[in-house]
C-alpha cells in the first residue's frame, strides 16, 4: 500500500505483499520485501529491504541491504553497507 507522496527513481523497483510505503523515495532497482513498512524515508538505488523491516525517517544509501526483522529509525545508513 502506498500512501501520501511517493517518489521513485527508475520505474524498475519492487514492493512485496502487505507493505506500507508512505511519504518516501524509492530508488531504481530496489526491492522492499513482504510485510515491511517504510515511512518518511529515502531508499537508495539497488537496495534490498528484507522481510518485516521498519524503516522510519531514515536514509538508506545505494547498494545497501538489510536483514529480516530490522528496525532503522532516525538514522543515515551509508552506501554499500
Protein backbone atom coordinates (compact mmCIF):
# COMPACT_ATOMS: atom_id res chain seq x y z
CA UNK A 1 0.00 0.00 0.00
CA UNK A 2 1.39 3.38 -0.95
CA UNK A 3 0.08 6.40 0.94
CA UNK A 4 0.93 10.08 0.51
CA UNK A 5 3.72 11.33 -1.71
CA UNK A 6 5.91 8.54 -3.10
CA UNK A 7 8.84 9.44 -5.34
CA UNK A 8 10.64 6.81 -7.34
CA UNK A 9 13.91 6.67 -9.25
CA UNK A 10 13.66 4.47 -12.27
CA UNK A 11 10.41 2.56 -12.60
CA UNK A 12 12.24 -0.73 -12.02
CA UNK A 13 11.66 -1.42 -8.31
CA UNK A 14 9.53 -3.93 -6.40
CA UNK A 15 7.36 -3.76 -3.29
CA UNK A 16 6.25 -7.04 -1.71
CA UNK A 17 2.93 -8.12 -0.25
CA UNK A 18 1.47 -6.36 2.81
CA UNK A 19 3.98 -3.48 2.66
CA UNK A 20 3.24 0.10 3.61
CA UNK A 21 5.23 2.88 1.93
CA UNK A 22 4.33 6.42 2.97
CA UNK A 23 5.92 9.77 2.03
CA UNK A 24 9.15 8.13 0.85
CA UNK A 25 11.54 7.93 -2.08
CA UNK A 26 12.41 4.51 -3.52
CA UNK A 27 15.47 4.29 -5.78
CA UNK A 28 15.56 2.33 -9.01
CA UNK A 29 16.26 -1.41 -8.95
CA UNK A 30 15.45 -1.58 -5.22
CA UNK A 31 13.25 -4.16 -3.52
CA UNK A 32 11.13 -3.89 -0.41
CA UNK A 33 10.20 -7.38 0.73
CA UNK A 34 6.89 -8.58 2.23
CA UNK A 35 5.43 -7.14 5.45
CA UNK A 36 7.82 -4.16 5.57
CA UNK A 37 6.96 -0.56 6.46
CA UNK A 38 8.80 2.46 5.03
CA UNK A 39 7.74 5.84 6.44
CA UNK A 40 9.13 9.27 5.52
CA UNK A 41 12.40 7.71 4.31
CA UNK A 42 14.74 7.58 1.33
CA UNK A 43 15.84 4.22 -0.06
CA UNK A 44 18.78 4.41 -2.49
CA UNK A 45 19.40 2.66 -5.79
CA UNK A 46 19.87 -1.16 -5.86
CA UNK A 47 18.83 -1.62 -2.21
CA UNK A 48 17.17 -4.69 -0.71
CA UNK A 49 14.96 -4.16 2.34
CA UNK A 50 14.24 -7.66 3.65
CA UNK A 51 11.02 -9.04 5.18
CA UNK A 52 9.36 -7.47 8.21
CA UNK A 53 11.51 -4.31 8.31
CA UNK A 54 10.50 -0.97 9.79
CA UNK A 55 12.32 1.96 8.17
CA UNK A 56 11.18 5.28 9.67
CA UNK A 57 12.58 8.77 9.00
CA UNK A 58 15.81 7.25 7.70
CA UNK A 59 18.09 7.41 4.66
CA UNK A 60 19.45 4.17 3.22
CA UNK A 61 22.37 4.62 0.81
CA UNK A 62 22.79 2.93 -2.58
CA UNK A 63 23.64 -0.79 -2.74
CA UNK A 64 22.69 -1.37 0.91
CA UNK A 65 20.89 -4.45 2.22
CA UNK A 66 19.07 -5.13 5.48
CA UNK A 67 18.38 -8.42 7.22
CA UNK A 68 14.92 -9.68 8.12
CA UNK A 69 13.16 -8.17 11.17
CA UNK A 70 15.26 -4.99 11.13
CA UNK A 71 14.22 -1.60 12.51
CA UNK A 72 16.01 1.60 11.42
CA UNK A 73 14.72 4.89 12.81
CA UNK A 74 16.16 8.43 12.61
CA UNK A 75 19.38 7.14 11.01
CA UNK A 76 21.51 7.54 7.92
CA UNK A 77 23.00 4.30 6.58
CA UNK A 78 25.77 4.81 4.03
CA UNK A 79 26.37 3.23 0.64
CA UNK A 80 27.46 -0.39 0.26
CA UNK A 81 26.53 -1.36 3.84
